[in-house]
Amino acid sequence: MQAVEKKNKVKESGIQFLYKYGAIALLLVIILYFSSISEAFFTYGNFTDILRSISIVTLLAIGVTFTLVVGGFDLSVGSTMSLSTVVTASLMVWYEMPLWLVLILPILIGVLVGLLNSFLIVVIGIPDLLATLSMMYIVAGFHRTYTEGYSIYNNMPLTSGGNAPGQLSEAFLWIGQGRMLGLPVPVWIMLVMVLLAYVVLHHTRWGRVLYMTGGNAEAATLSGVNIRKVKCASYVISGVFASMAGILFTARVGSGQIDAGAPLLMEAVAAVFVGYSVLGAGKPNAIGTFFGAAVIGILLNGLTILNLPYYAFDIIKGGVLVSALAVTYVYAKKRFTQT
């Protein structure tokens, strides 16, 4: 009997350790492994490249984090990013607009998508997954229609004849390709946004309201919280972060690629769920999301150095997501049965 109890305690301790420190331990194991087999991996240049590569995914994932905090889920972030990408490029290449408008208008598009999601979910009452799935297809179709299926680049030929009059400015490209204080500018943008999201979610009254809404909407309502407005704000924030990711992507690659956000949606979702268990948080959180994106980014970078075929990367991403979900839900089940 004592042996069985001891075995159960060891098992529970192992699950609890994996839950609290699994993501960090996995990150360290990945770094140590790839460092041991490749001298090119553990270098300053490679790690700055990794941080730059995860900056866009992290922005997308922070938006998803805000919707998960309130008990929702935004599947439209990838399409919103794609729309923002082509709109950003078109404003400079097709219409030669000034930089300040090029940065503001795509953000307003993100706000609009967030409001439409909120209308479907909060006003009409469509479940979050179904509403945002519908918006994902609508926005994806709209951005392909807007560009007629073409990517947007400097002086591109137009279907109406002639060439586009504008180009992406050097000041704009600096946002995605420049460096500041030894780090790429996208890395600084990512770090600032992660810190801002962390402060809002964990050190402000509004952050507590967000978690209260997601944890127990009925209790939040009885406490005087307008959960409709809170959910609406969360989806708007998600749209804004998706648009920021689109702007950053355009500045980084120097063109407006159609469907740019589609392959990044699942990476963003995986980053959020991997981050659930960082330091035992047990809930969506900004620092955990960043760690989740870092785990996936470092893993994919190492596999690229090993010349693993790119088409096998989705298997790795799926495996990481399944592992994170398994640990999270097994631990949650244990806690539920104990209570």
Protein backbone atom coordinates (compact mmCIF):
# COMPACT_ATOMS: atom_id res chain seq x y z
CA MET A 1 0.00 0.00 0.00
CA GLN A 2 2.77 2.40 0.94
CA ALA A 3 4.63 1.51 -2.25
CA VAL A 4 1.55 2.39 -4.32
CA GLU A 5 1.10 5.70 -2.49
CA LYS A 6 4.77 6.52 -2.98
CA LYS A 7 4.50 5.71 -6.67
CA ASN A 8 1.46 7.98 -7.02
CA LYS A 9 3.22 10.81 -5.20
CA VAL A 10 6.25 10.48 -7.50
CA LYS A 11 3.94 10.49 -10.52
CA GLU A 12 2.08 13.58 -9.28
CA SER A 13 5.36 15.36 -8.50
CA GLY A 14 6.61 14.57 -12.00
CA ILE A 15 3.45 15.95 -13.61
CA GLN A 16 3.61 19.04 -11.41
CA PHE A 17 7.27 19.62 -12.30
CA LEU A 18 6.53 19.25 -16.03
CA TYR A 19 3.61 21.61 -15.67
CA LYS A 20 5.61 24.34 -13.94
CA TYR A 21 9.01 24.01 -15.56
CA GLY A 22 8.41 21.83 -18.64
CA ALA A 23 8.52 24.64 -21.21
CA ILE A 24 11.68 26.17 -19.69
CA ALA A 25 13.31 22.74 -19.37
CA LEU A 26 12.44 21.94 -22.99
CA LEU A 27 13.93 25.26 -24.08
CA LEU A 28 17.19 24.53 -22.26
CA VAL A 29 17.36 20.98 -23.63
CA ILE A 30 16.83 22.22 -27.19
CA ILE A 31 19.55 24.86 -26.81
CA LEU A 32 22.03 22.41 -25.29
CA TYR A 33 21.32 19.76 -27.92
CA PHE A 34 21.70 21.97 -30.97
CA SER A 35 24.71 23.74 -29.44
CA SER A 36 26.45 20.38 -29.07
CA ILE A 37 25.99 19.40 -32.71
CA SER A 38 26.48 22.74 -34.45
CA GLU A 39 28.96 25.52 -33.74
CA ALA A 40 26.79 27.93 -35.73
CA PHE A 41 23.83 27.55 -33.37
CA PHE A 42 24.99 29.09 -30.09
CA THR A 43 26.13 32.44 -31.49
CA TYR A 44 24.96 36.00 -30.94
CA GLY A 45 24.08 36.40 -34.60
CA ASN A 46 21.97 33.26 -34.70
CA PHE A 47 20.05 34.12 -31.53
CA THR A 48 19.28 37.62 -32.80
CA ASP A 49 18.01 36.01 -36.00
CA ILE A 50 15.80 33.69 -33.92
CA LEU A 51 14.39 36.61 -31.95
CA ARG A 52 13.70 38.49 -35.16
CA SER A 53 12.03 35.44 -36.69
CA ILE A 54 9.66 35.00 -33.72
CA SER A 55 8.79 38.69 -33.38
CA ILE A 56 5.86 38.51 -35.81
CA VAL A 57 4.50 35.24 -34.38
CA THR A 58 4.77 36.67 -30.87
CA LEU A 59 2.68 39.72 -31.79
CA LEU A 60 0.01 37.45 -33.27
CA ALA A 61 0.15 35.21 -30.20
CA ILE A 62 -0.25 38.12 -27.77
CA GLY A 63 -3.49 39.03 -29.53
CA VAL A 64 -4.72 35.45 -29.20
CA THR A 65 -3.66 35.54 -25.53
CA PHE A 66 -5.99 38.46 -24.79
CA THR A 67 -8.97 36.62 -26.29
CA LEU A 68 -8.17 33.41 -24.40
CA VAL A 69 -7.91 35.37 -21.15
CA VAL A 70 -11.60 36.30 -21.44
CA GLY A 71 -12.59 32.75 -22.39
CA GLY A 72 -12.66 33.32 -26.14
CA PHE A 73 -10.49 32.33 -29.07
CA ASP A 74 -9.58 34.30 -32.20
CA LEU A 75 -8.92 32.22 -35.32
CA SER A 76 -9.05 35.26 -37.62
CA VAL A 77 -5.67 36.73 -36.61
CA GLY A 78 -3.82 35.07 -39.50
CA SER A 79 -6.20 36.47 -42.11
CA THR A 80 -6.20 39.88 -40.41
CA MET A 81 -2.41 39.90 -40.59
CA SER A 82 -2.57 38.98 -44.30
CA LEU A 83 -5.01 41.82 -45.00
CA SER A 84 -2.86 44.27 -43.04
CA THR A 85 0.22 43.13 -44.97
CA VAL A 86 -1.20 43.82 -48.43
CA VAL A 87 -2.98 47.03 -47.38
CA THR A 88 0.25 48.37 -45.87
CA ALA A 89 2.19 47.65 -49.06
CA SER A 90 -0.54 49.00 -51.34
CA LEU A 91 -0.76 52.31 -49.49
CA MET A 92 2.87 53.04 -50.38
CA VAL A 93 3.24 51.23 -53.72
CA TRP A 94 -0.16 52.01 -55.28
CA TYR A 95 -1.19 55.25 -53.58
CA GLU A 96 2.13 56.79 -52.40
CA MET A 97 0.71 57.73 -49.01
CA PRO A 98 2.85 59.21 -46.23
CA LEU A 99 4.38 56.94 -43.60
CA TRP A 100 2.10 58.00 -40.76
CA LEU A 101 -1.01 57.00 -42.73
CA VAL A 102 0.64 53.75 -43.81
CA LEU A 103 1.06 52.85 -40.13
CA ILE A 104 -2.35 54.03 -38.90
CA LEU A 105 -4.77 52.75 -41.54
CA PRO A 106 -3.85 49.04 -41.21
CA ILE A 107 -4.25 49.36 -37.43
CA LEU A 108 -7.76 50.73 -38.00
CA ILE A 109 -8.48 47.71 -40.19
CA GLY A 110 -7.47 45.48 -37.26
CA VAL A 111 -9.86 47.44 -35.02
CA LEU A 112 -12.65 46.95 -37.56
CA VAL A 113 -12.09 43.19 -37.75
CA GLY A 114 -12.08 43.03 -33.95
CA LEU A 115 -15.37 44.94 -33.79
CA LEU A 116 -16.94 42.61 -36.37
CA ASN A 117 -15.81 39.59 -34.35
CA SER A 118 -17.25 41.19 -31.23
CA PHE A 119 -20.56 41.86 -32.96
CA LEU A 120 -20.88 38.23 -34.05
CA ILE A 121 -19.91 36.87 -30.62
CA VAL A 122 -21.31 39.36 -28.13
CA VAL A 123 -24.39 40.73 -29.92
CA ILE A 124 -25.55 37.85 -32.14
CA GLY A 125 -24.28 35.14 -29.78
CA ILE A 126 -22.29 32.95 -32.20
CA PRO A 127 -19.68 30.84 -30.35
CA ASP A 128 -16.17 32.33 -30.52
CA LEU A 129 -14.60 29.56 -32.58
CA LEU A 130 -17.37 29.58 -35.20
CA ALA A 131 -17.56 33.37 -35.42
CA THR A 132 -13.82 33.89 -35.82
CA LEU A 133 -13.57 30.94 -38.21
CA SER A 134 -16.19 32.63 -40.39
CA MET A 135 -14.32 35.93 -40.20
CA MET A 136 -11.09 34.14 -41.08
CA TYR A 137 -12.58 33.08 -44.43
CA ILE A 138 -14.26 36.43 -45.07
CA VAL A 139 -11.10 38.46 -44.41
CA ALA A 140 -8.95 36.00 -46.37
CA GLY A 141 -11.28 36.29 -49.36
CA PHE A 142 -11.39 40.08 -49.07
CA HIS A 143 -7.59 40.47 -49.05
CA ARG A 144 -7.22 38.21 -52.12
CA THR A 145 -9.96 40.13 -53.91
CA TYR A 146 -8.32 43.45 -53.01
CA THR A 147 -5.02 42.39 -54.59
CA GLU A 148 -6.61 40.26 -57.35
CA GLY A 149 -4.49 37.39 -56.08
CA TYR A 150 -1.15 39.17 -56.58
CA SER A 151 1.54 40.10 -54.09
CA ILE A 152 2.43 43.80 -53.96
CA TYR A 153 5.99 45.02 -54.56
CA ASN A 154 7.85 48.11 -55.74
CA ASN A 155 6.83 49.36 -59.21
CA MET A 156 4.83 46.19 -59.88
CA PRO A 157 2.92 45.89 -63.15
CA LEU A 158 -0.77 46.69 -62.71
CA THR A 159 -3.63 44.70 -64.24
CA SER A 160 -5.05 48.01 -65.52
CA GLY A 161 -1.83 48.67 -67.42
CA GLY A 162 1.43 50.38 -66.60
CA ASN A 163 3.44 50.07 -63.37
CA ALA A 164 2.68 51.04 -59.80
CA PRO A 165 4.03 54.55 -59.12
CA GLY A 166 5.34 54.06 -55.58
CA GLN A 167 7.92 52.19 -53.54
CA LEU A 168 8.31 51.13 -49.92
CA SER A 169 10.30 53.90 -48.29
CA GLU A 170 13.62 53.39 -46.51
CA ALA A 171 12.10 54.75 -43.30
CA PHE A 172 9.38 52.12 -43.45
CA LEU A 173 11.77 49.27 -44.29
CA TRP A 174 13.91 50.25 -41.27
CA ILE A 175 11.05 49.10 -39.03
CA GLY A 176 11.51 45.54 -40.24
CA GLN A 177 15.14 45.46 -41.34
CA GLY A 178 16.97 48.05 -39.24
CA ARG A 179 18.96 47.62 -36.05
CA MET A 180 19.07 49.62 -32.83
CA LEU A 181 21.49 49.17 -29.93
CA GLY A 182 22.78 45.91 -31.40
CA LEU A 183 19.37 44.26 -31.86
CA PRO A 184 16.99 44.19 -34.84
CA VAL A 185 14.18 46.74 -34.55
CA PRO A 186 11.46 44.01 -34.72
CA VAL A 187 12.99 42.46 -31.59
CA TRP A 188 12.67 45.75 -29.70
CA ILE A 189 9.06 46.11 -30.86
CA MET A 190 8.32 42.55 -29.72
CA LEU A 191 9.93 43.03 -26.30
CA VAL A 192 8.09 46.29 -25.69
CA MET A 193 4.74 44.72 -26.64
CA VAL A 194 5.36 41.65 -24.45
CA LEU A 195 6.26 43.89 -21.50
CA LEU A 196 3.23 46.10 -22.11
CA ALA A 197 0.90 43.08 -22.29
CA TYR A 198 2.44 41.65 -19.11
CA VAL A 199 1.96 44.89 -17.19
CA VAL A 200 -1.63 45.28 -18.39
CA LEU A 201 -2.64 41.69 -17.62
CA HIS A 202 -0.89 41.31 -14.27
CA HIS A 203 -0.46 44.76 -12.75
CA THR A 204 -3.59 46.72 -13.65
CA ARG A 205 -7.21 46.60 -12.54
CA TRP A 206 -8.28 46.07 -16.14
CA GLY A 207 -6.10 42.98 -16.36
CA ARG A 208 -7.79 41.53 -13.28
CA VAL A 209 -11.16 42.25 -14.88
CA LEU A 210 -10.08 40.37 -18.00
CA TYR A 211 -9.05 37.29 -16.00
CA MET A 212 -12.22 37.53 -13.90
CA THR A 213 -14.35 37.57 -17.06
CA GLY A 214 -12.63 34.50 -18.44
CA GLY A 215 -12.62 32.66 -15.12
CA ASN A 216 -16.23 33.19 -14.10
CA ALA A 217 -18.36 35.44 -16.28
CA GLU A 218 -21.37 35.22 -13.95
CA ALA A 219 -19.34 36.29 -10.91
CA ALA A 220 -17.79 39.10 -12.96
CA THR A 221 -21.26 40.33 -13.94
CA LEU A 222 -22.42 40.26 -10.31
CA SER A 223 -19.32 42.31 -9.43
CA GLY A 224 -20.46 45.02 -11.82
CA VAL A 225 -18.25 44.11 -14.79
CA ASN A 226 -19.72 44.71 -18.24
CA ILE A 227 -18.45 41.48 -19.77
CA ARG A 228 -19.77 42.43 -23.23
CA LYS A 229 -17.51 45.48 -23.32
CA VAL A 230 -14.59 43.50 -21.91
CA LYS A 231 -14.89 40.80 -24.57
CA CYS A 232 -15.28 43.43 -27.27
CA ALA A 233 -12.09 45.16 -26.11
CA SER A 234 -10.20 41.86 -26.12
CA TYR A 235 -11.10 41.10 -29.74
CA VAL A 236 -10.23 44.63 -30.80
CA ILE A 237 -6.83 44.26 -29.12
CA SER A 238 -6.37 40.96 -30.93
CA GLY A 239 -7.12 42.66 -34.26
CA VAL A 240 -4.67 45.47 -33.49
CA PHE A 241 -1.85 43.04 -32.69
CA ALA A 242 -2.58 41.08 -35.88
CA SER A 243 -2.39 44.31 -37.89
CA MET A 244 0.89 45.23 -36.21
CA ALA A 245 2.24 41.82 -37.19
CA GLY A 246 1.20 42.50 -40.78
CA ILE A 247 2.93 45.88 -40.84
CA LEU A 248 6.08 44.34 -39.40
CA PHE A 249 6.01 41.50 -41.92
CA THR A 250 5.73 43.93 -44.84
CA ALA A 251 8.64 45.99 -43.55
CA ARG A 252 10.72 42.88 -43.00
CA VAL A 253 10.30 41.22 -46.43
CA GLY A 254 9.91 44.45 -48.42
CA SER A 255 6.65 43.47 -50.12
CA GLY A 256 3.00 42.67 -49.44
CA GLN A 257 2.70 38.89 -49.68
CA ILE A 258 -0.78 37.41 -49.99
CA ASP A 259 -1.69 34.84 -47.34
CA ALA A 260 1.33 35.93 -45.28
CA GLY A 261 -0.45 35.25 -41.99
CA ALA A 262 -2.02 31.89 -42.82
CA PRO A 263 0.99 29.69 -41.93
CA LEU A 264 1.64 31.71 -38.76
CA LEU A 265 -1.78 31.16 -37.18
CA MET A 266 -1.02 27.71 -35.80
CA GLU A 267 2.43 28.82 -34.61
CA ALA A 268 0.78 31.62 -32.65
CA VAL A 269 -1.80 29.27 -31.14
CA ALA A 270 0.92 26.76 -30.23
CA ALA A 271 2.99 29.51 -28.58
CA VAL A 272 0.05 30.52 -26.39
CA PHE A 273 -0.73 26.98 -25.22
CA VAL A 274 2.94 26.12 -24.62
CA GLY A 275 3.07 29.27 -22.49
CA TYR A 276 0.11 28.17 -20.35
CA SER A 277 2.35 26.14 -18.08
CA VAL A 278 5.39 28.41 -17.82
CA LEU A 279 6.22 28.65 -14.08
CA GLY A 280 2.87 27.02 -13.33
CA ALA A 281 0.80 29.97 -14.48
CA GLY A 282 -2.05 27.71 -15.57
CA LYS A 283 -3.62 30.43 -17.68
CA PRO A 284 -2.88 32.55 -20.76
CA ASN A 285 -0.11 35.04 -19.97
CA ALA A 286 2.21 37.31 -21.93
CA ILE A 287 5.55 36.00 -20.60
CA GLY A 288 4.47 32.41 -21.17
CA THR A 289 3.40 33.26 -24.72
CA PHE A 290 6.84 34.73 -25.40
CA PHE A 291 8.52 31.60 -24.00
CA GLY A 292 6.24 29.45 -26.14
CA ALA A 293 7.17 31.37 -29.28
CA ALA A 294 10.85 31.11 -28.31
CA VAL A 295 10.63 27.33 -27.85
CA ILE A 296 9.09 26.88 -31.28
CA GLY A 297 11.42 29.40 -32.94
CA ILE A 298 14.60 27.90 -31.48
CA LEU A 299 13.45 24.38 -32.33
CA LEU A 300 12.71 25.27 -35.95
CA ASN A 301 16.00 27.17 -36.25
CA GLY A 302 17.95 24.16 -35.02
CA LEU A 303 16.12 21.84 -37.40
CA THR A 304 16.91 24.21 -40.26
CA ILE A 305 20.61 24.05 -39.37
CA LEU A 306 20.29 20.24 -39.49
CA ASN A 307 18.79 20.59 -42.99
CA LEU A 308 15.49 18.97 -42.01
CA PRO A 309 13.04 19.42 -44.93
CA TYR A 310 10.77 22.42 -44.34
CA TYR A 311 7.67 20.34 -45.10
CA ALA A 312 8.32 18.30 -41.95
CA PHE A 313 8.21 21.37 -39.68
CA ASP A 314 4.44 21.16 -39.19
CA ILE A 315 4.90 17.70 -37.64
CA ILE A 316 7.29 19.22 -35.09
CA LYS A 317 4.96 22.14 -34.34
CA GLY A 318 2.04 19.77 -33.88
CA GLY A 319 4.08 17.52 -31.60
CA VAL A 320 5.11 20.47 -29.40
CA LEU A 321 1.49 21.66 -29.18
CA VAL A 322 0.16 18.19 -28.33
CA SER A 323 2.81 17.77 -25.62
CA ALA A 324 1.99 21.14 -24.07
CA LEU A 325 -1.75 20.44 -24.12
CA ALA A 326 -1.25 16.95 -22.67
CA VAL A 327 0.74 18.21 -19.69
CA THR A 328 -1.67 21.11 -19.09
CA TYR A 329 -4.84 19.03 -19.20
CA VAL A 330 -3.44 16.07 -17.28
CA TYR A 331 -2.41 18.45 -14.49
CA ALA A 332 -5.79 20.20 -14.60
CA LYS A 333 -7.56 16.84 -14.39
CA LYS A 334 -5.45 15.86 -11.37
CA ARG A 335 -6.28 19.10 -9.59
CA PHE A 336 -9.98 18.68 -10.36
CA THR A 337 -10.10 15.12 -9.01
CA GLN A 338 -8.26 16.19 -5.84
CA THR A 339 -10.80 18.94 -5.15
